[in-house]
PDB file of N, CA and C in Angstrom:
ATOM      1  N   MET A   1     -53.179 -37.832  -4.542  1.00  0.00           N
ATOM      2  CA  MET A   1     -53.286 -38.976  -4.952  1.00  0.00           C
ATOM      3  C   MET A   1     -53.220 -39.041  -6.695  1.00  0.00           C
ATOM      4  N   PHE A   2     -53.615 -38.480  -7.202  1.00  0.00           N
ATOM      5  CA  PHE A   2     -53.369 -38.005  -8.769  1.00  0.00           C
ATOM      6  C   PHE A   2     -52.161 -37.894  -9.151  1.00  0.00           C
ATOM      7  N   LEU A   3     -51.423 -37.139  -8.379  1.00  0.00           N
ATOM      8  CA  LEU A   3     -49.832 -36.857  -8.995  1.00  0.00           C
ATOM      9  C   LEU A   3     -49.091 -38.263  -8.697  1.00  0.00           C
ATOM     10  N   ALA A   4     -49.536 -38.773  -7.494  1.00  0.00           N
ATOM     11  CA  ALA A   4     -48.493 -40.230  -7.155  1.00  0.00           C
ATOM     12  C   ALA A   4     -48.797 -41.337  -8.297  1.00  0.00           C
ATOM     13  N   LYS A   5     -50.308 -41.458  -8.846  1.00  0.00           N
ATOM     14  CA  LYS A   5     -50.752 -42.056  -9.655  1.00  0.00           C
ATOM     15  C   LYS A   5     -49.867 -41.838 -11.002  1.00  0.00           C
ATOM     16  N   GLU A   6     -49.794 -40.474 -11.263  1.00  0.00           N
ATOM     17  CA  GLU A   6     -49.144 -40.035 -12.476  1.00  0.00           C
ATOM     18  C   GLU A   6     -47.803 -40.455 -12.478  1.00  0.00           C
ATOM     19  N   ARG A   7     -47.187 -40.156 -11.387  1.00  0.00           N
ATOM     20  CA  ARG A   7     -45.737 -40.634 -11.330  1.00  0.00           C
ATOM     21  C   ARG A   7     -45.345 -41.910 -11.296  1.00  0.00           C
ATOM     22  N   SER A   8     -46.210 -42.634 -10.831  1.00  0.00           N
ATOM     23  CA  SER A   8     -46.164 -44.218 -10.981  1.00  0.00           C
ATOM     24  C   SER A   8     -46.127 -44.602 -12.506  1.00  0.00           C
ATOM     25  N   MET A   9     -47.346 -43.943 -13.224  1.00  0.00           N
ATOM     26  CA  MET A   9     -47.209 -44.392 -14.618  1.00  0.00           C
ATOM     27  C   MET A   9     -46.115 -44.027 -15.358  1.00  0.00           C
ATOM     28  N   LYS A  10     -45.556 -42.932 -14.767  1.00  0.00           N
ATOM     29  CA  LYS A  10     -44.342 -42.391 -15.901  1.00  0.00           C
ATOM     30  C   LYS A  10     -43.023 -43.297 -15.643  1.00  0.00           C
ATOM     31  N   MET A  11     -43.211 -43.832 -14.439  1.00  0.00           N
ATOM     32  CA  MET A  11     -41.869 -44.682 -13.852  1.00  0.00           C
ATOM     33  C   MET A  11     -42.299 -45.825 -14.413  1.00  0.00           C
ATOM     34  N   GLN A  12     -43.404 -46.498 -14.589  1.00  0.00           N
ATOM     35  CA  GLN A  12     -43.704 -47.731 -15.370  1.00  0.00           C
ATOM     36  C   GLN A  12     -43.301 -47.661 -16.771  1.00  0.00           C
ATOM     37  N   GLU A  13     -43.432 -46.443 -17.475  1.00  0.00           N
ATOM     38  CA  GLU A  13     -43.465 -46.385 -18.785  1.00  0.00           C
ATOM     39  C   GLU A  13     -41.729 -46.125 -18.891  1.00  0.00           C
ATOM     40  N   GLN A  14     -41.224 -45.565 -17.971  1.00  0.00           N
ATOM     41  CA  GLN A  14     -39.340 -45.674 -18.038  1.00  0.00           C
ATOM     42  C   GLN A  14     -39.216 -46.988 -18.106  1.00  0.00           C
ATOM     43  N   LEU A  15     -39.417 -47.673 -17.046  1.00  0.00           N
ATOM     44  CA  LEU A  15     -39.194 -49.018 -16.960  1.00  0.00           C
ATOM     45  C   LEU A  15     -39.504 -49.880 -18.228  1.00  0.00           C
ATOM     46  N   ARG A  16     -40.470 -49.532 -19.053  1.00  0.00           N
ATOM     47  CA  ARG A  16     -40.825 -50.413 -19.994  1.00  0.00           C
ATOM     48  C   ARG A  16     -39.658 -49.918 -21.171  1.00  0.00           C
ATOM     49  N   GLU A  17     -39.313 -49.065 -21.099  1.00  0.00           N
ATOM     50  CA  GLU A  17     -38.293 -48.375 -22.063  1.00  0.00           C
ATOM     51  C   GLU A  17     -36.777 -48.898 -21.706  1.00  0.00           C
ATOM     52  N   ILE A  18     -36.620 -48.854 -20.410  1.00  0.00           N
ATOM     53  CA  ILE A  18     -35.430 -49.461 -20.004  1.00  0.00           C
ATOM     54  C   ILE A  18     -35.020 -51.113 -20.282  1.00  0.00           C
ATOM     55  N   HIS A  19     -36.564 -51.767 -20.123  1.00  0.00           N
ATOM     56  CA  HIS A  19     -36.285 -53.114 -20.762  1.00  0.00           C
ATOM     57  C   HIS A  19     -36.422 -53.348 -22.084  1.00  0.00           C
ATOM     58  N   ALA A  20     -36.874 -52.449 -23.051  1.00  0.00           N
ATOM     59  CA  ALA A  20     -36.820 -52.559 -24.451  1.00  0.00           C
ATOM     60  C   ALA A  20     -35.458 -52.370 -24.688  1.00  0.00           C
ATOM     61  N   TYR A  21     -34.795 -51.344 -24.055  1.00  0.00           N
ATOM     62  CA  TYR A  21     -33.172 -50.904 -24.501  1.00  0.00           C
ATOM     63  C   TYR A  21     -32.466 -52.286 -24.197  1.00  0.00           C
ATOM     64  N   ALA A  22     -32.519 -52.939 -23.078  1.00  0.00           N
ATOM     65  CA  ALA A  22     -31.713 -53.885 -22.647  1.00  0.00           C
ATOM     66  C   ALA A  22     -31.899 -55.151 -23.331  1.00  0.00           C
ATOM     67  N   ASP A  23     -33.320 -55.478 -23.690  1.00  0.00           N
ATOM     68  CA  ASP A  23     -33.359 -56.443 -24.643  1.00  0.00           C
ATOM     69  C   ASP A  23     -32.736 -56.455 -26.217  1.00  0.00           C
ATOM     70  N   ASN A  24     -32.709 -54.802 -26.469  1.00  0.00           N
ATOM     71  CA  ASN A  24     -31.973 -54.650 -27.735  1.00  0.00           C
ATOM     72  C   ASN A  24     -30.543 -54.633 -27.596  1.00  0.00           C
ATOM     73  N   LEU A  25     -30.275 -54.552 -26.576  1.00  0.00           N
ATOM     74  CA  LEU A  25     -28.574 -54.472 -26.342  1.00  0.00           C
ATOM     75  C   LEU A  25     -28.290 -56.139 -26.455  1.00  0.00           C
ATOM     76  N   ARG A  26     -29.175 -56.802 -25.594  1.00  0.00           N
ATOM     77  CA  ARG A  26     -28.767 -58.189 -25.454  1.00  0.00           C
ATOM     78  C   ARG A  26     -28.762 -58.971 -27.080  1.00  0.00           C
ATOM     79  N   ASP A  27     -29.888 -58.392 -27.647  1.00  0.00           N
ATOM     80  CA  ASP A  27     -29.868 -59.001 -29.088  1.00  0.00           C
ATOM     81  C   ASP A  27     -28.819 -58.727 -30.002  1.00  0.00           C
ATOM     82  N   GLU A  28     -28.254 -57.484 -29.713  1.00  0.00           N
ATOM     83  CA  GLU A  28     -26.920 -56.839 -30.586  1.00  0.00           C
ATOM     84  C   GLU A  28     -25.829 -57.529 -30.091  1.00  0.00           C
ATOM     85  N   GLN A  29     -25.710 -57.857 -28.937  1.00  0.00           N
ATOM     86  CA  GLN A  29     -24.648 -58.767 -28.338  1.00  0.00           C
ATOM     87  C   GLN A  29     -24.477 -60.142 -28.885  1.00  0.00           C
ATOM     88  N   LYS A  30     -25.641 -60.590 -29.177  1.00  0.00           N
ATOM     89  CA  LYS A  30     -25.673 -62.170 -29.623  1.00  0.00           C
ATOM     90  C   LYS A  30     -25.490 -62.121 -31.123  1.00  0.00           C
ATOM     91  N   THR A  31     -25.748 -60.830 -31.853  1.00  0.00           N
ATOM     92  CA  THR A  31     -25.323 -60.929 -33.266  1.00  0.00           C
ATOM     93  C   THR A  31     -23.885 -60.616 -33.337  1.00  0.00           C
ATOM     94  N   LEU A  32     -23.455 -59.703 -32.349  1.00  0.00           N
ATOM     95  CA  LEU A  32     -22.126 -59.414 -32.356  1.00  0.00           C
ATOM     96  C   LEU A  32     -21.020 -60.999 -32.005  1.00  0.00           C
ATOM     97  N   ALA A  33     -21.422 -61.675 -31.053  1.00  0.00           N
ATOM     98  CA  ALA A  33     -21.071 -62.740 -30.555  1.00  0.00           C
ATOM     99  C   ALA A  33     -20.817 -63.905 -31.802  1.00  0.00           C
ATOM    100  N   ILE A  34     -21.882 -64.053 -32.477  1.00  0.00           N
ATOM    101  CA  ILE A  34     -21.956 -64.792 -33.719  1.00  0.00           C
ATOM    102  C   ILE A  34     -21.224 -64.100 -34.795  1.00  0.00           C
ATOM    103  N   ARG A  35     -21.032 -62.980 -35.393  1.00  0.00           N
ATOM    104  CA  ARG A  35     -20.217 -62.373 -35.963  1.00  0.00           C
ATOM    105  C   ARG A  35     -18.642 -62.756 -35.839  1.00  0.00           C
ATOM    106  N   ARG A  36     -18.529 -62.211 -34.530  1.00  0.00           N
ATOM    107  CA  ARG A  36     -17.028 -62.729 -33.976  1.00  0.00           C
ATOM    108  C   ARG A  36     -16.446 -64.155 -34.108  1.00  0.00           C
ATOM    109  N   HIS A  37     -17.694 -64.936 -33.841  1.00  0.00           N
ATOM    110  CA  HIS A  37     -16.982 -66.776 -34.035  1.00  0.00           C
ATOM    111  C   HIS A  37     -16.935 -66.984 -35.613  1.00  0.00           C
ATOM    112  N   ASP A  38     -17.733 -66.232 -36.427  1.00  0.00           N
ATOM    113  CA  ASP A  38     -17.675 -66.460 -37.963  1.00  0.00           C
ATOM    114  C   ASP A  38     -16.303 -65.817 -38.385  1.00  0.00           C
ATOM    115  N   SER A  39     -15.985 -64.641 -37.977  1.00  0.00           N
ATOM    116  CA  SER A  39     -14.767 -64.056 -38.115  1.00  0.00           C
ATOM    117  C   SER A  39     -13.658 -64.762 -37.949  1.00  0.00           C
ATOM    118  N   ARG A  40     -13.724 -65.428 -36.580  1.00  0.00           N
ATOM    119  CA  ARG A  40     -12.486 -65.959 -36.270  1.00  0.00           C
ATOM    120  C   ARG A  40     -12.373 -67.523 -37.078  1.00  0.00           C
ATOM    121  N   HIS A  41     -13.289 -68.113 -37.288  1.00  0.00           N
ATOM    122  CA  HIS A  41     -13.502 -69.185 -38.331  1.00  0.00           C
ATOM    123  C   HIS A  41     -12.946 -68.989 -39.642  1.00  0.00           C
ATOM    124  N   GLN A  42     -13.479 -67.866 -40.393  1.00  0.00           N
ATOM    125  CA  GLN A  42     -12.760 -67.343 -41.623  1.00  0.00           C
ATOM    126  C   GLN A  42     -11.306 -67.231 -41.664  1.00  0.00           C
ATOM    127  N   LEU A  43     -10.986 -66.712 -40.456  1.00  0.00           N
ATOM    128  CA  LEU A  43      -9.439 -66.430 -40.574  1.00  0.00           C
ATOM    129  C   LEU A  43      -8.651 -67.646 -40.277  1.00  0.00           C
ATOM    130  N   ARG A  44      -9.138 -68.629 -39.691  1.00  0.00           N
ATOM    131  CA  ARG A  44      -8.375 -69.830 -39.760  1.00  0.00           C
ATOM    132  C   ARG A  44      -8.370 -70.542 -41.037  1.00  0.00           C
ATOM    133  N   MET A  45      -9.525 -70.529 -41.315  1.00  0.00           N
ATOM    134  CA  MET A  45      -9.582 -71.230 -42.581  1.00  0.00           C
ATOM    135  C   MET A  45      -8.521 -70.601 -43.892  1.00  0.00           C
ATOM    136  N   LEU A  46      -8.820 -69.265 -43.689  1.00  0.00           N
ATOM    137  CA  LEU A  46      -7.827 -68.548 -44.701  1.00  0.00           C
ATOM    138  C   LEU A  46      -6.328 -68.727 -44.219  1.00  0.00           C
ATOM    139  N   ALA A  47      -6.186 -68.617 -43.140  1.00  0.00           N
ATOM    140  CA  ALA A  47      -4.721 -69.251 -42.707  1.00  0.00           C
ATOM    141  C   ALA A  47      -4.298 -70.603 -43.212  1.00  0.00           C
ATOM    142  N   GLU A  48      -5.167 -71.305 -43.126  1.00  0.00           N
ATOM    143  CA  GLU A  48      -4.674 -73.032 -43.228  1.00  0.00           C
ATOM    144  C   GLU A  48      -4.615 -72.954 -44.879  1.00  0.00           C
ATOM    145  N   LEU A  49      -5.581 -72.489 -45.574  1.00  0.00           N
ATOM    146  CA  LEU A  49      -5.369 -72.217 -47.018  1.00  0.00           C
ATOM    147  C   LEU A  49      -3.930 -71.765 -47.615  1.00  0.00           C
ATOM    148  N   ILE A  50      -3.469 -70.767 -46.740  1.00  0.00           N
ATOM    149  CA  ILE A  50      -2.465 -70.060 -47.394  1.00  0.00           C
ATOM    150  C   ILE A  50      -1.185 -71.075 -46.697  1.00  0.00           C
ATOM    151  N   GLU A  51      -1.277 -71.475 -45.662  1.00  0.00           N
ATOM    152  CA  GLU A  51      -0.201 -72.284 -45.007  1.00  0.00           C
ATOM    153  C   GLU A  51      -0.102 -73.605 -45.962  1.00  0.00           C
ATOM    154  N   SER A  52      -1.109 -74.105 -46.457  1.00  0.00           N
ATOM    155  CA  SER A  52      -0.751 -75.206 -47.325  1.00  0.00           C
ATOM    156  C   SER A  52      -0.475 -74.750 -48.701  1.00  0.00           C
ATOM    157  N   GLY A  53      -0.586 -73.419 -49.178  1.00  0.00           N
ATOM    158  CA  GLY A  53      -0.104 -73.326 -50.417  1.00  0.00           C
ATOM    159  C   GLY A  53      -1.481 -73.477 -51.455  1.00  0.00           C
ATOM    160  N   HIS A  54      -2.244 -72.935 -50.863  1.00  0.00           N
ATOM    161  CA  HIS A  54      -3.898 -72.949 -51.820  1.00  0.00           C
ATOM    162  C   HIS A  54      -4.024 -71.422 -51.643  1.00  0.00           C
ATOM    163  N   TYR A  55      -3.229 -70.773 -52.434  1.00  0.00           N
ATOM    164  CA  TYR A  55      -3.402 -69.235 -52.525  1.00  0.00           C
ATOM    165  C   TYR A  55      -4.541 -68.660 -53.444  1.00  0.00           C
ATOM    166  N   ASP A  56      -4.675 -69.228 -54.657  1.00  0.00           N
ATOM    167  CA  ASP A  56      -5.969 -69.168 -55.521  1.00  0.00           C
ATOM    168  C   ASP A  56      -7.045 -69.441 -54.894  1.00  0.00           C
ATOM    169  N   GLU A  57      -7.267 -70.439 -54.094  1.00  0.00           N
ATOM    170  CA  GLU A  57      -8.475 -70.606 -53.310  1.00  0.00           C
ATOM    171  C   GLU A  57      -8.620 -69.724 -51.987  1.00  0.00           C
ATOM    172  N   ALA A  58      -7.678 -69.259 -51.292  1.00  0.00           N
ATOM    173  CA  ALA A  58      -7.536 -68.247 -50.459  1.00  0.00           C
ATOM    174  C   ALA A  58      -8.169 -67.003 -50.959  1.00  0.00           C
ATOM    175  N   GLU A  59      -7.441 -66.694 -52.137  1.00  0.00           N
ATOM    176  CA  GLU A  59      -8.120 -65.380 -52.881  1.00  0.00           C
ATOM    177  C   GLU A  59      -9.537 -65.438 -53.183  1.00  0.00           C
ATOM    178  N   ARG A  60      -9.928 -66.362 -53.551  1.00  0.00           N
ATOM    179  CA  ARG A  60     -11.458 -66.447 -54.182  1.00  0.00           C
ATOM    180  C   ARG A  60     -12.202 -66.450 -52.976  1.00  0.00           C
ATOM    181  N   HIS A  61     -11.682 -66.858 -51.691  1.00  0.00           N
ATOM    182  CA  HIS A  61     -12.623 -66.977 -50.404  1.00  0.00           C
ATOM    183  C   HIS A  61     -12.425 -65.566 -49.935  1.00  0.00           C
ATOM    184  N   LEU A  62     -11.529 -64.656 -50.126  1.00  0.00           N
ATOM    185  CA  LEU A  62     -11.377 -63.519 -49.570  1.00  0.00           C
ATOM    186  C   LEU A  62     -12.414 -62.538 -50.324  1.00  0.00           C
ATOM    187  N   LEU A  63     -12.369 -62.757 -51.754  1.00  0.00           N
ATOM    188  CA  LEU A  63     -13.194 -61.957 -52.617  1.00  0.00           C
ATOM    189  C   LEU A  63     -14.563 -62.363 -52.243  1.00  0.00           C
ATOM    190  N   ALA A  64     -14.799 -63.429 -51.934  1.00  0.00           N
ATOM    191  CA  ALA A  64     -16.225 -63.858 -51.653  1.00  0.00           C
ATOM    192  C   ALA A  64     -16.892 -63.370 -50.483  1.00  0.00           C
ATOM    193  N   LEU A  65     -15.765 -63.271 -49.523  1.00  0.00           N
ATOM    194  CA  LEU A  65     -15.858 -62.505 -48.074  1.00  0.00           C
ATOM    195  C   LEU A  65     -16.349 -60.935 -48.331  1.00  0.00           C
ATOM    196  N   ARG A  66     -15.354 -60.384 -49.185  1.00  0.00           N
ATOM    197  CA  ARG A  66     -15.506 -59.133 -49.598  1.00  0.00           C
ATOM    198  C   ARG A  66     -16.936 -58.637 -50.016  1.00  0.00           C
ATOM    199  N   LYS A  67     -17.188 -59.584 -50.814  1.00  0.00           N
ATOM    200  CA  LYS A  67     -18.631 -59.289 -51.365  1.00  0.00           C
ATOM    201  C   LYS A  67     -19.796 -59.128 -50.346  1.00  0.00           C
ATOM    202  N   GLU A  68     -19.638 -60.367 -49.639  1.00  0.00           N
ATOM    203  CA  GLU A  68     -20.698 -60.446 -48.475  1.00  0.00           C
ATOM    204  C   GLU A  68     -20.510 -59.202 -47.537  1.00  0.00           C
ATOM    205  N   VAL A  69     -19.481 -58.577 -47.241  1.00  0.00           N
ATOM    206  CA  VAL A  69     -19.369 -57.603 -46.415  1.00  0.00           C
ATOM    207  C   VAL A  69     -19.946 -56.063 -46.866  1.00  0.00           C
ATOM    208  N   GLU A  70     -19.662 -56.098 -48.436  1.00  0.00           N
ATOM    209  CA  GLU A  70     -19.954 -54.882 -49.024  1.00  0.00           C
ATOM    210  C   GLU A  70     -21.644 -55.033 -49.208  1.00  0.00           C
ATOM    211  N   SER A  71     -22.058 -56.002 -49.078  1.00  0.00           N
ATOM    212  CA  SER A  71     -23.831 -55.999 -49.376  1.00  0.00           C
ATOM    213  C   SER A  71     -24.494 -55.931 -48.056  1.00  0.00           C
ATOM    214  N   ARG A  72     -23.781 -56.017 -46.947  1.00  0.00           N
ATOM    215  CA  ARG A  72     -24.462 -55.717 -45.679  1.00  0.00           C
ATOM    216  C   ARG A  72     -24.939 -54.438 -45.570  1.00  0.00           C
TER     217      ARG A  72
END
């Protein structure tokens, strides 16, 4: 009886760890999806600036993005 209870407690702890790991993965996936969306937006905006001949503005934007990435 004692061994069965001990095994059950170990399994419950493992399940808690698995749930915590899964929650962490979900959070990471959400963060990645947001960053992917933001990156696509930034690339589209840069492409539009370059296509319309706004090279200085595109360069300023790239420098700002670079600083942002380096600060992470």
